[in-house]
Amino acid sequence: MSQVSKVFYRGENDEFMVVIQSPEEYRRYKKDPSIPLVDVVDSFKVFVTRKSGTQGIIDEASRAMLENEFGTRNPDQAIEKILRDGEFQEQKYTYKSNYDSTNDTMGARVPH
């Protein structure tokens, strides 16, 4: 099972998201914002969900989007605001490790 932790921020025009390394590091950062961002975030990218929520398609936010929403073109400053004021979310993904047959009536489909 794989796990993705992120912080989601609803802006005036768009919805933004930052992927974090672990819930524990994020909780530490919330208590002590002097912890370096490199210890908290998975990458220094701000994603935009285009009002589709955290389950929809995500794109990397442009510097113009950051400027319009956060008043800065600097991704680090936008990330700090998202971590400070955003909502923590965690998703668990499960994948099948064994592949099942999709159509048993078709036989082996190999030359005999």
PDB file of N, CA and C in Angstrom:
ATOM      1  N   MET A   1       0.841  -1.167   0.000  1.00  0.00           N
ATOM      2  CA  MET A   1       0.000   0.000   0.000  1.00  0.00           C
ATOM      3  C   MET A   1       0.888   1.232   0.000  1.00  0.00           C
ATOM      4  N   SER A   2       0.534   2.201  -0.818  1.00  0.00           N
ATOM      5  CA  SER A   2       1.271   3.437  -0.937  1.00  0.00           C
ATOM      6  C   SER A   2       0.461   4.555  -0.301  1.00  0.00           C
ATOM      7  N   GLN A   3       1.161   5.577   0.179  1.00  0.00           N
ATOM      8  CA  GLN A   3       0.489   6.661   0.878  1.00  0.00           C
ATOM      9  C   GLN A   3       0.994   7.997   0.355  1.00  0.00           C
ATOM     10  N   VAL A   4       0.072   8.927   0.106  1.00  0.00           N
ATOM     11  CA  VAL A   4       0.427  10.255  -0.353  1.00  0.00           C
ATOM     12  C   VAL A   4      -0.124  11.259   0.646  1.00  0.00           C
ATOM     13  N   SER A   5       0.740  12.119   1.162  1.00  0.00           N
ATOM     14  CA  SER A   5       0.325  13.155   2.095  1.00  0.00           C
ATOM     15  C   SER A   5       0.481  14.498   1.406  1.00  0.00           C
ATOM     16  N   LYS A   6      -0.525  15.355   1.578  1.00  0.00           N
ATOM     17  CA  LYS A   6      -0.493  16.645   0.920  1.00  0.00           C
ATOM     18  C   LYS A   6      -1.236  17.675   1.752  1.00  0.00           C
ATOM     19  N   VAL A   7      -0.967  18.931   1.435  1.00  0.00           N
ATOM     20  CA  VAL A   7      -1.668  20.031   2.071  1.00  0.00           C
ATOM     21  C   VAL A   7      -2.399  20.780   0.964  1.00  0.00           C
ATOM     22  N   PHE A   8      -3.685  20.975   1.169  1.00  0.00           N
ATOM     23  CA  PHE A   8      -4.592  21.542   0.181  1.00  0.00           C
ATOM     24  C   PHE A   8      -5.007  22.942   0.631  1.00  0.00           C
ATOM     25  N   TYR A   9      -4.962  23.920  -0.281  1.00  0.00           N
ATOM     26  CA  TYR A   9      -5.277  25.311   0.039  1.00  0.00           C
ATOM     27  C   TYR A   9      -6.279  25.850  -0.977  1.00  0.00           C
ATOM     28  N   ARG A  10      -7.426  26.317  -0.484  1.00  0.00           N
ATOM     29  CA  ARG A  10      -8.438  26.920  -1.358  1.00  0.00           C
ATOM     30  C   ARG A  10      -8.176  28.413  -1.470  1.00  0.00           C
ATOM     31  N   GLY A  11      -7.799  28.821  -2.665  1.00  0.00           N
ATOM     32  CA  GLY A  11      -7.560  30.234  -2.914  1.00  0.00           C
ATOM     33  C   GLY A  11      -8.813  30.913  -3.443  1.00  0.00           C
ATOM     34  N   GLU A  12      -8.689  32.180  -3.781  1.00  0.00           N
ATOM     35  CA  GLU A  12      -9.830  32.918  -4.314  1.00  0.00           C
ATOM     36  C   GLU A  12     -10.217  32.434  -5.703  1.00  0.00           C
ATOM     37  N   ASN A  13      -9.228  32.151  -6.536  1.00  0.00           N
ATOM     38  CA  ASN A  13      -9.511  31.769  -7.920  1.00  0.00           C
ATOM     39  C   ASN A  13      -9.216  30.305  -8.220  1.00  0.00           C
ATOM     40  N   ASP A  14      -8.276  29.717  -7.523  1.00  0.00           N
ATOM     41  CA  ASP A  14      -7.867  28.339  -7.784  1.00  0.00           C
ATOM     42  C   ASP A  14      -7.650  27.605  -6.472  1.00  0.00           C
ATOM     43  N   GLU A  15      -7.434  26.308  -6.587  1.00  0.00           N
ATOM     44  CA  GLU A  15      -7.113  25.472  -5.433  1.00  0.00           C
ATOM     45  C   GLU A  15      -5.693  24.952  -5.613  1.00  0.00           C
ATOM     46  N   PHE A  16      -4.889  25.049  -4.566  1.00  0.00           N
ATOM     47  CA  PHE A  16      -3.475  24.723  -4.636  1.00  0.00           C
ATOM     48  C   PHE A  16      -3.151  23.556  -3.716  1.00  0.00           C
ATOM     49  N   MET A  17      -2.050  22.879  -4.040  1.00  0.00           N
ATOM     50  CA  MET A  17      -1.663  21.704  -3.280  1.00  0.00           C
ATOM     51  C   MET A  17      -0.148  21.569  -3.250  1.00  0.00           C
ATOM     52  N   VAL A  18       0.358  21.108  -2.107  1.00  0.00           N
ATOM     53  CA  VAL A  18       1.778  20.815  -1.935  1.00  0.00           C
ATOM     54  C   VAL A  18       1.880  19.390  -1.395  1.00  0.00           C
ATOM     55  N   VAL A  19       2.743  18.580  -1.987  1.00  0.00           N
ATOM     56  CA  VAL A  19       2.963  17.210  -1.513  1.00  0.00           C
ATOM     57  C   VAL A  19       4.041  17.261  -0.437  1.00  0.00           C
ATOM     58  N   ILE A  20       3.778  16.584   0.683  1.00  0.00           N
ATOM     59  CA  ILE A  20       4.727  16.591   1.793  1.00  0.00           C
ATOM     60  C   ILE A  20       5.312  15.199   1.979  1.00  0.00           C
ATOM     61  N   GLN A  21       6.450  15.160   2.690  1.00  0.00           N
ATOM     62  CA  GLN A  21       7.164  13.897   2.875  1.00  0.00           C
ATOM     63  C   GLN A  21       6.429  12.946   3.807  1.00  0.00           C
ATOM     64  N   SER A  22       5.962  13.460   4.945  1.00  0.00           N
ATOM     65  CA  SER A  22       5.282  12.596   5.895  1.00  0.00           C
ATOM     66  C   SER A  22       4.411  13.436   6.820  1.00  0.00           C
ATOM     67  N   PRO A  23       3.360  12.834   7.354  1.00  0.00           N
ATOM     68  CA  PRO A  23       2.506  13.559   8.298  1.00  0.00           C
ATOM     69  C   PRO A  23       3.269  14.022   9.543  1.00  0.00           C
ATOM     70  N   GLU A  24       4.225  13.209   9.989  1.00  0.00           N
ATOM     71  CA  GLU A  24       4.992  13.560  11.188  1.00  0.00           C
ATOM     72  C   GLU A  24       5.812  14.825  10.979  1.00  0.00           C
ATOM     73  N   GLU A  25       6.463  14.930   9.813  1.00  0.00           N
ATOM     74  CA  GLU A  25       7.270  16.122   9.519  1.00  0.00           C
ATOM     75  C   GLU A  25       6.382  17.358   9.404  1.00  0.00           C
ATOM     76  N   TYR A  26       5.217  17.195   8.817  1.00  0.00           N
ATOM     77  CA  TYR A  26       4.284  18.321   8.694  1.00  0.00           C
ATOM     78  C   TYR A  26       3.820  18.789  10.080  1.00  0.00           C
ATOM     79  N   ARG A  27       3.495  17.855  10.952  1.00  0.00           N
ATOM     80  CA  ARG A  27       3.081  18.226  12.318  1.00  0.00           C
ATOM     81  C   ARG A  27       4.201  18.948  13.057  1.00  0.00           C
ATOM     82  N   ARG A  28       5.425  18.488  12.865  1.00  0.00           N
ATOM     83  CA  ARG A  28       6.572  19.172  13.477  1.00  0.00           C
ATOM     84  C   ARG A  28       6.701  20.592  12.947  1.00  0.00           C
ATOM     85  N   TYR A  29       6.519  20.755  11.641  1.00  0.00           N
ATOM     86  CA  TYR A  29       6.615  22.076  11.017  1.00  0.00           C
ATOM     87  C   TYR A  29       5.512  23.010  11.536  1.00  0.00           C
ATOM     88  N   LYS A  30       4.299  22.483  11.717  1.00  0.00           N
ATOM     89  CA  LYS A  30       3.204  23.310  12.218  1.00  0.00           C
ATOM     90  C   LYS A  30       3.523  23.846  13.614  1.00  0.00           C
ATOM     91  N   LYS A  31       4.196  23.054  14.433  1.00  0.00           N
ATOM     92  CA  LYS A  31       4.580  23.479  15.778  1.00  0.00           C
ATOM     93  C   LYS A  31       5.792  24.397  15.754  1.00  0.00           C
ATOM     94  N   ASP A  32       6.699  24.154  14.791  1.00  0.00           N
ATOM     95  CA  ASP A  32       7.944  24.917  14.718  1.00  0.00           C
ATOM     96  C   ASP A  32       8.255  25.275  13.261  1.00  0.00           C
ATOM     97  N   PRO A  33       7.747  26.429  12.775  1.00  0.00           N
ATOM     98  CA  PRO A  33       7.955  26.818  11.371  1.00  0.00           C
ATOM     99  C   PRO A  33       9.412  27.113  11.006  1.00  0.00           C
ATOM    100  N   SER A  34      10.316  27.077  11.980  1.00  0.00           N
ATOM    101  CA  SER A  34      11.727  27.299  11.655  1.00  0.00           C
ATOM    102  C   SER A  34      12.380  26.056  11.045  1.00  0.00           C
ATOM    103  N   ILE A  35      11.665  24.930  11.041  1.00  0.00           N
ATOM    104  CA  ILE A  35      12.178  23.706  10.412  1.00  0.00           C
ATOM    105  C   ILE A  35      12.315  23.968   8.912  1.00  0.00           C
ATOM    106  N   PRO A  36      13.444  23.622   8.300  1.00  0.00           N
ATOM    107  CA  PRO A  36      13.639  23.879   6.866  1.00  0.00           C
ATOM    108  C   PRO A  36      12.589  23.172   6.008  1.00  0.00           C
ATOM    109  N   LEU A  37      12.137  23.864   4.958  1.00  0.00           N
ATOM    110  CA  LEU A  37      11.136  23.289   4.061  1.00  0.00           C
ATOM    111  C   LEU A  37      11.608  21.994   3.414  1.00  0.00           C
ATOM    112  N   VAL A  38      12.905  21.877   3.199  1.00  0.00           N
ATOM    113  CA  VAL A  38      13.447  20.676   2.563  1.00  0.00           C
ATOM    114  C   VAL A  38      13.149  19.429   3.398  1.00  0.00           C
ATOM    115  N   ASP A  39      12.950  19.596   4.697  1.00  0.00           N
ATOM    116  CA  ASP A  39      12.621  18.464   5.560  1.00  0.00           C
ATOM    117  C   ASP A  39      11.130  18.136   5.552  1.00  0.00           C
ATOM    118  N   VAL A  40      10.322  19.024   4.993  1.00  0.00           N
ATOM    119  CA  VAL A  40       8.871  18.866   5.063  1.00  0.00           C
ATOM    120  C   VAL A  40       8.257  18.500   3.715  1.00  0.00           C
ATOM    121  N   VAL A  41       8.601  19.245   2.663  1.00  0.00           N
ATOM    122  CA  VAL A  41       7.950  19.031   1.373  1.00  0.00           C
ATOM    123  C   VAL A  41       8.662  17.957   0.558  1.00  0.00           C
ATOM    124  N   ASP A  42       7.893  17.304  -0.287  1.00  0.00           N
ATOM    125  CA  ASP A  42       8.447  16.271  -1.154  1.00  0.00           C
ATOM    126  C   ASP A  42       9.174  16.900  -2.343  1.00  0.00           C
ATOM    127  N   SER A  43       8.636  18.003  -2.838  1.00  0.00           N
ATOM    128  CA  SER A  43       9.282  18.761  -3.906  1.00  0.00           C
ATOM    129  C   SER A  43       8.889  20.220  -3.740  1.00  0.00           C
ATOM    130  N   PHE A  44       9.674  21.098  -4.307  1.00  0.00           N
ATOM    131  CA  PHE A  44       9.397  22.529  -4.193  1.00  0.00           C
ATOM    132  C   PHE A  44       8.508  22.976  -5.351  1.00  0.00           C
ATOM    133  N   LYS A  45       7.407  22.267  -5.519  1.00  0.00           N
ATOM    134  CA  LYS A  45       6.445  22.590  -6.562  1.00  0.00           C
ATOM    135  C   LYS A  45       5.084  22.824  -5.927  1.00  0.00           C
ATOM    136  N   VAL A  46       4.407  23.831  -6.431  1.00  0.00           N
ATOM    137  CA  VAL A  46       3.030  24.101  -6.025  1.00  0.00           C
ATOM    138  C   VAL A  46       2.152  23.632  -7.176  1.00  0.00           C
ATOM    139  N   PHE A  47       1.165  22.827  -6.855  1.00  0.00           N
ATOM    140  CA  PHE A  47       0.259  22.308  -7.867  1.00  0.00           C
ATOM    141  C   PHE A  47      -1.074  23.031  -7.775  1.00  0.00           C
ATOM    142  N   VAL A  48      -1.751  23.116  -8.903  1.00  0.00           N
ATOM    143  CA  VAL A  48      -3.071  23.730  -8.964  1.00  0.00           C
ATOM    144  C   VAL A  48      -4.046  22.659  -9.449  1.00  0.00           C
ATOM    145  N   THR A  49      -5.229  22.609  -8.815  1.00  0.00           N
ATOM    146  CA  THR A  49      -6.200  21.566  -9.160  1.00  0.00           C
ATOM    147  C   THR A  49      -7.339  22.089 -10.017  1.00  0.00           C
ATOM    148  N   ARG A  50      -7.354  23.379 -10.300  1.00  0.00           N
ATOM    149  CA  ARG A  50      -8.357  23.998 -11.172  1.00  0.00           C
ATOM    150  C   ARG A  50      -9.784  23.697 -10.718  1.00  0.00           C
ATOM    151  N   LYS A  51     -10.019  23.870  -9.445  1.00  0.00           N
ATOM    152  CA  LYS A  51     -11.353  23.707  -8.833  1.00  0.00           C
ATOM    153  C   LYS A  51     -11.895  22.288  -8.942  1.00  0.00           C
ATOM    154  N   SER A  52     -11.014  21.309  -9.106  1.00  0.00           N
ATOM    155  CA  SER A  52     -11.482  19.927  -9.204  1.00  0.00           C
ATOM    156  C   SER A  52     -11.182  19.138  -7.931  1.00  0.00           C
ATOM    157  N   GLY A  53     -10.700  19.805  -6.896  1.00  0.00           N
ATOM    158  CA  GLY A  53     -10.387  19.121  -5.653  1.00  0.00           C
ATOM    159  C   GLY A  53      -9.103  18.328  -5.753  1.00  0.00           C
ATOM    160  N   THR A  54      -8.746  17.656  -4.687  1.00  0.00           N
ATOM    161  CA  THR A  54      -7.488  16.928  -4.661  1.00  0.00           C
ATOM    162  C   THR A  54      -7.553  15.627  -5.447  1.00  0.00           C
ATOM    163  N   GLN A  55      -8.726  15.221  -5.860  1.00  0.00           N
ATOM    164  CA  GLN A  55      -8.857  13.975  -6.607  1.00  0.00           C
ATOM    165  C   GLN A  55      -8.777  14.189  -8.116  1.00  0.00           C
ATOM    166  N   GLY A  56      -8.850  15.435  -8.557  1.00  0.00           N
ATOM    167  CA  GLY A  56      -8.879  15.730  -9.988  1.00  0.00           C
ATOM    168  C   GLY A  56      -7.497  15.804 -10.605  1.00  0.00           C
ATOM    169  N   ILE A  57      -7.457  16.315 -11.795  1.00  0.00           N
ATOM    170  CA  ILE A  57      -6.205  16.478 -12.530  1.00  0.00           C
ATOM    171  C   ILE A  57      -5.447  17.666 -11.950  1.00  0.00           C
ATOM    172  N   ILE A  58      -4.155  17.484 -11.755  1.00  0.00           N
ATOM    173  CA  ILE A  58      -3.349  18.569 -11.203  1.00  0.00           C
ATOM    174  C   ILE A  58      -2.300  19.002 -12.217  1.00  0.00           C
ATOM    175  N   ASP A  59      -1.990  20.289 -12.169  1.00  0.00           N
ATOM    176  CA  ASP A  59      -0.936  20.874 -12.994  1.00  0.00           C
ATOM    177  C   ASP A  59      -0.021  21.650 -12.069  1.00  0.00           C
ATOM    178  N   GLU A  60       1.178  21.926 -12.545  1.00  0.00           N
ATOM    179  CA  GLU A  60       2.064  22.782 -11.767  1.00  0.00           C
ATOM    180  C   GLU A  60       1.582  24.225 -11.915  1.00  0.00           C
ATOM    181  N   ALA A  61       1.501  24.939 -10.804  1.00  0.00           N
ATOM    182  CA  ALA A  61       1.050  26.330 -10.824  1.00  0.00           C
ATOM    183  C   ALA A  61       2.106  27.209 -11.484  1.00  0.00           C
ATOM    184  N   SER A  62       1.659  28.126 -12.312  1.00  0.00           N
ATOM    185  CA  SER A  62       2.581  29.060 -12.960  1.00  0.00           C
ATOM    186  C   SER A  62       2.967  30.156 -11.975  1.00  0.00           C
ATOM    187  N   ARG A  63       4.042  30.850 -12.292  1.00  0.00           N
ATOM    188  CA  ARG A  63       4.463  31.960 -11.433  1.00  0.00           C
ATOM    189  C   ARG A  63       3.409  33.065 -11.414  1.00  0.00           C
ATOM    190  N   ALA A  64       2.703  33.256 -12.509  1.00  0.00           N
ATOM    191  CA  ALA A  64       1.629  34.252 -12.550  1.00  0.00           C
ATOM    192  C   ALA A  64       0.495  33.863 -11.601  1.00  0.00           C
ATOM    193  N   MET A  65       0.169  32.581 -11.538  1.00  0.00           N
ATOM    194  CA  MET A  65      -0.864  32.118 -10.603  1.00  0.00           C
ATOM    195  C   MET A  65      -0.429  32.363  -9.165  1.00  0.00           C
ATOM    196  N   LEU A  66       0.845  32.079  -8.878  1.00  0.00           N
ATOM    197  CA  LEU A  66       1.362  32.315  -7.525  1.00  0.00           C
ATOM    198  C   LEU A  66       1.291  33.800  -7.188  1.00  0.00           C
ATOM    199  N   GLU A  67       1.657  34.639  -8.153  1.00  0.00           N
ATOM    200  CA  GLU A  67       1.611  36.093  -7.954  1.00  0.00           C
ATOM    201  C   GLU A  67       0.186  36.557  -7.664  1.00  0.00           C
ATOM    202  N   ASN A  68      -0.778  36.060  -8.430  1.00  0.00           N
ATOM    203  CA  ASN A  68      -2.171  36.467  -8.260  1.00  0.00           C
ATOM    204  C   ASN A  68      -2.741  36.022  -6.916  1.00  0.00           C
ATOM    205  N   GLU A  69      -2.394  34.830  -6.482  1.00  0.00           N
ATOM    206  CA  GLU A  69      -2.980  34.292  -5.252  1.00  0.00           C
ATOM    207  C   GLU A  69      -2.209  34.673  -3.995  1.00  0.00           C
ATOM    208  N   PHE A  70      -0.882  34.584  -4.057  1.00  0.00           N
ATOM    209  CA  PHE A  70      -0.067  34.741  -2.853  1.00  0.00           C
ATOM    210  C   PHE A  70       0.720  36.052  -2.815  1.00  0.00           C
ATOM    211  N   GLY A  71       0.672  36.811  -3.896  1.00  0.00           N
ATOM    212  CA  GLY A  71       1.391  38.082  -3.939  1.00  0.00           C
ATOM    213  C   GLY A  71       2.889  37.926  -4.106  1.00  0.00           C
ATOM    214  N   THR A  72       3.328  36.769  -4.557  1.00  0.00           N
ATOM    215  CA  THR A  72       4.747  36.506  -4.768  1.00  0.00           C
ATOM    216  C   THR A  72       4.919  35.524  -5.912  1.00  0.00           C
ATOM    217  N   ARG A  73       6.024  35.648  -6.619  1.00  0.00           N
ATOM    218  CA  ARG A  73       6.353  34.686  -7.672  1.00  0.00           C
ATOM    219  C   ARG A  73       7.278  33.593  -7.131  1.00  0.00           C
ATOM    220  N   ASN A  74       7.667  33.725  -5.888  1.00  0.00           N
ATOM    221  CA  ASN A  74       8.589  32.795  -5.246  1.00  0.00           C
ATOM    222  C   ASN A  74       7.817  31.571  -4.730  1.00  0.00           C
ATOM    223  N   PRO A  75       8.066  30.390  -5.285  1.00  0.00           N
ATOM    224  CA  PRO A  75       7.346  29.194  -4.840  1.00  0.00           C
ATOM    225  C   PRO A  75       7.547  28.885  -3.354  1.00  0.00           C
ATOM    226  N   ASP A  76       8.733  29.163  -2.814  1.00  0.00           N
ATOM    227  CA  ASP A  76       8.991  28.871  -1.396  1.00  0.00           C
ATOM    228  C   ASP A  76       8.041  29.641  -0.484  1.00  0.00           C
ATOM    229  N   GLN A  77       7.795  30.913  -0.802  1.00  0.00           N
ATOM    230  CA  GLN A  77       6.890  31.721   0.016  1.00  0.00           C
ATOM    231  C   GLN A  77       5.451  31.228  -0.114  1.00  0.00           C
ATOM    232  N   ALA A  78       5.069  30.815  -1.317  1.00  0.00           N
ATOM    233  CA  ALA A  78       3.732  30.261  -1.514  1.00  0.00           C
ATOM    234  C   ALA A  78       3.584  28.947  -0.752  1.00  0.00           C
ATOM    235  N   ILE A  79       4.613  28.115  -0.772  1.00  0.00           N
ATOM    236  CA  ILE A  79       4.584  26.843  -0.048  1.00  0.00           C
ATOM    237  C   ILE A  79       4.415  27.090   1.450  1.00  0.00           C
ATOM    238  N   GLU A  80       5.144  28.060   1.988  1.00  0.00           N
ATOM    239  CA  GLU A  80       5.022  28.374   3.414  1.00  0.00           C
ATOM    240  C   GLU A  80       3.585  28.766   3.767  1.00  0.00           C
ATOM    241  N   LYS A  81       2.954  29.579   2.929  1.00  0.00           N
ATOM    242  CA  LYS A  81       1.560  29.992   3.170  1.00  0.00           C
ATOM    243  C   LYS A  81       0.622  28.793   3.093  1.00  0.00           C
ATOM    244  N   ILE A  82       0.822  27.928   2.114  1.00  0.00           N
ATOM    245  CA  ILE A  82      -0.024  26.742   1.973  1.00  0.00           C
ATOM    246  C   ILE A  82       0.134  25.830   3.181  1.00  0.00           C
ATOM    247  N   LEU A  83       1.371  25.612   3.629  1.00  0.00           N
ATOM    248  CA  LEU A  83       1.601  24.763   4.799  1.00  0.00           C
ATOM    249  C   LEU A  83       0.989  25.362   6.059  1.00  0.00           C
ATOM    250  N   ARG A  84       1.058  26.676   6.165  1.00  0.00           N
ATOM    251  CA  ARG A  84       0.555  27.358   7.361  1.00  0.00           C
ATOM    252  C   ARG A  84      -0.978  27.377   7.400  1.00  0.00           C
ATOM    253  N   ASP A  85      -1.618  27.678   6.263  1.00  0.00           N
ATOM    254  CA  ASP A  85      -3.062  27.912   6.246  1.00  0.00           C
ATOM    255  C   ASP A  85      -3.871  26.822   5.553  1.00  0.00           C
ATOM    256  N   GLY A  86      -3.202  25.824   4.988  1.00  0.00           N
ATOM    257  CA  GLY A  86      -3.906  24.786   4.233  1.00  0.00           C
ATOM    258  C   GLY A  86      -4.449  23.678   5.106  1.00  0.00           C
ATOM    259  N   GLU A  87      -5.088  22.746   4.452  1.00  0.00           N
ATOM    260  CA  GLU A  87      -5.719  21.608   5.111  1.00  0.00           C
ATOM    261  C   GLU A  87      -4.940  20.330   4.769  1.00  0.00           C
ATOM    262  N   PHE A  88      -4.501  19.613   5.800  1.00  0.00           N
ATOM    263  CA  PHE A  88      -3.747  18.377   5.617  1.00  0.00           C
ATOM    264  C   PHE A  88      -4.675  17.273   5.122  1.00  0.00           C
ATOM    265  N   GLN A  89      -4.225  16.519   4.131  1.00  0.00           N
ATOM    266  CA  GLN A  89      -4.969  15.371   3.625  1.00  0.00           C
ATOM    267  C   GLN A  89      -4.014  14.228   3.360  1.00  0.00           C
ATOM    268  N   GLU A  90      -4.506  13.034   3.630  1.00  0.00           N
ATOM    269  CA  GLU A  90      -3.697  11.841   3.417  1.00  0.00           C
ATOM    270  C   GLU A  90      -4.532  10.827   2.660  1.00  0.00           C
ATOM    271  N   GLN A  91      -3.943  10.231   1.633  1.00  0.00           N
ATOM    272  CA  GLN A  91      -4.638   9.218   0.852  1.00  0.00           C
ATOM    273  C   GLN A  91      -3.821   7.949   0.842  1.00  0.00           C
ATOM    274  N   LYS A  92      -4.515   6.846   0.934  1.00  0.00           N
ATOM    275  CA  LYS A  92      -3.847   5.553   0.833  1.00  0.00           C
ATOM    276  C   LYS A  92      -4.295   4.899  -0.460  1.00  0.00           C
ATOM    277  N   TYR A  93      -3.318   4.461  -1.221  1.00  0.00           N
ATOM    278  CA  TYR A  93      -3.590   3.797  -2.485  1.00  0.00           C
ATOM    279  C   TYR A  93      -3.235   2.330  -2.347  1.00  0.00           C
ATOM    280  N   THR A  94      -4.099   1.492  -2.817  1.00  0.00           N
ATOM    281  CA  THR A  94      -3.793   0.063  -2.827  1.00  0.00           C
ATOM    282  C   THR A  94      -3.800  -0.413  -4.268  1.00  0.00           C
ATOM    283  N   TYR A  95      -2.852  -1.218  -4.579  1.00  0.00           N
ATOM    284  CA  TYR A  95      -2.738  -1.769  -5.913  1.00  0.00           C
ATOM    285  C   TYR A  95      -2.742  -3.287  -5.800  1.00  0.00           C
ATOM    286  N   LYS A  96      -3.339  -3.929  -6.781  1.00  0.00           N
ATOM    287  CA  LYS A  96      -3.318  -5.387  -6.806  1.00  0.00           C
ATOM    288  C   LYS A  96      -1.910  -5.852  -7.128  1.00  0.00           C
ATOM    289  N   SER A  97      -1.430  -6.789  -6.371  1.00  0.00           N
ATOM    290  CA  SER A  97      -0.106  -7.310  -6.668  1.00  0.00           C
ATOM    291  C   SER A  97      -0.183  -8.470  -7.652  1.00  0.00           C
ATOM    292  N   ASN A  98      -1.302  -9.153  -7.674  1.00  0.00           N
ATOM    293  CA  ASN A  98      -1.500 -10.252  -8.617  1.00  0.00           C
ATOM    294  C   ASN A  98      -2.543  -9.821  -9.639  1.00  0.00           C
ATOM    295  N   TYR A  99      -2.255 -10.055 -10.896  1.00  0.00           N
ATOM    296  CA  TYR A  99      -3.197  -9.679 -11.925  1.00  0.00           C
ATOM    297  C   TYR A  99      -4.141 -10.841 -12.189  1.00  0.00           C
ATOM    298  N   ASP A 100      -5.414 -10.539 -12.180  1.00  0.00           N
ATOM    299  CA  ASP A 100      -6.423 -11.544 -12.476  1.00  0.00           C
ATOM    300  C   ASP A 100      -6.674 -11.584 -13.974  1.00  0.00           C
ATOM    301  N   SER A 101      -7.185 -12.697 -14.420  1.00  0.00           N
ATOM    302  CA  SER A 101      -7.561 -12.824 -15.819  1.00  0.00           C
ATOM    303  C   SER A 101      -8.766 -11.926 -16.083  1.00  0.00           C
ATOM    304  N   THR A 102      -8.766 -11.277 -17.212  1.00  0.00           N
ATOM    305  CA  THR A 102      -9.887 -10.393 -17.526  1.00  0.00           C
ATOM    306  C   THR A 102     -10.970 -11.083 -18.352  1.00  0.00           C
ATOM    307  N   ASN A 103     -10.636 -12.175 -19.003  1.00  0.00           N
ATOM    308  CA  ASN A 103     -11.639 -12.880 -19.797  1.00  0.00           C
ATOM    309  C   ASN A 103     -11.231 -14.337 -19.933  1.00  0.00           C
ATOM    310  N   ASP A 104     -11.686 -15.152 -19.014  1.00  0.00           N
ATOM    311  CA  ASP A 104     -11.304 -16.563 -18.992  1.00  0.00           C
ATOM    312  C   ASP A 104     -11.901 -17.350 -20.156  1.00  0.00           C
ATOM    313  N   THR A 105     -12.967 -16.872 -20.769  1.00  0.00           N
ATOM    314  CA  THR A 105     -13.610 -17.619 -21.850  1.00  0.00           C
ATOM    315  C   THR A 105     -12.816 -17.564 -23.136  1.00  0.00           C
ATOM    316  N   MET A 106     -11.831 -16.701 -23.236  1.00  0.00           N
ATOM    317  CA  MET A 106     -11.049 -16.563 -24.462  1.00  0.00           C
ATOM    318  C   MET A 106      -9.913 -17.571 -24.551  1.00  0.00           C
ATOM    319  N   GLY A 107      -9.678 -18.349 -23.544  1.00  0.00           N
ATOM    320  CA  GLY A 107      -8.624 -19.336 -23.592  1.00  0.00           C
ATOM    321  C   GLY A 107      -7.241 -18.720 -23.436  1.00  0.00           C
ATOM    322  N   ALA A 108      -6.236 -19.476 -23.740  1.00  0.00           N
ATOM    323  CA  ALA A 108      -4.865 -19.033 -23.531  1.00  0.00           C
ATOM    324  C   ALA A 108      -4.400 -18.011 -24.578  1.00  0.00           C
ATOM    325  N   ARG A 109      -5.012 -18.048 -25.750  1.00  0.00           N
ATOM    326  CA  ARG A 109      -4.669 -17.114 -26.830  1.00  0.00           C
ATOM    327  C   ARG A 109      -3.208 -17.209 -27.264  1.00  0.00           C
ATOM    328  N   VAL A 110      -2.684 -18.385 -27.265  1.00  0.00           N
ATOM    329  CA  VAL A 110      -1.339 -18.615 -27.754  1.00  0.00           C
ATOM    330  C   VAL A 110      -1.414 -19.693 -28.827  1.00  0.00           C
ATOM    331  N   PRO A 111      -0.534 -19.674 -29.798  1.00  0.00           N
ATOM    332  CA  PRO A 111      -0.557 -20.711 -30.827  1.00  0.00           C
ATOM    333  C   PRO A 111      -0.248 -22.082 -30.224  1.00  0.00           C
ATOM    334  N   HIS A 112      -0.942 -23.099 -30.715  1.00  0.00           N
ATOM    335  CA  HIS A 112      -0.717 -24.456 -30.207  1.00  0.00           C
ATOM    336  C   HIS A 112       0.099 -25.273 -31.160  1.00  0.00           C
TER     337      HIS A 112
END
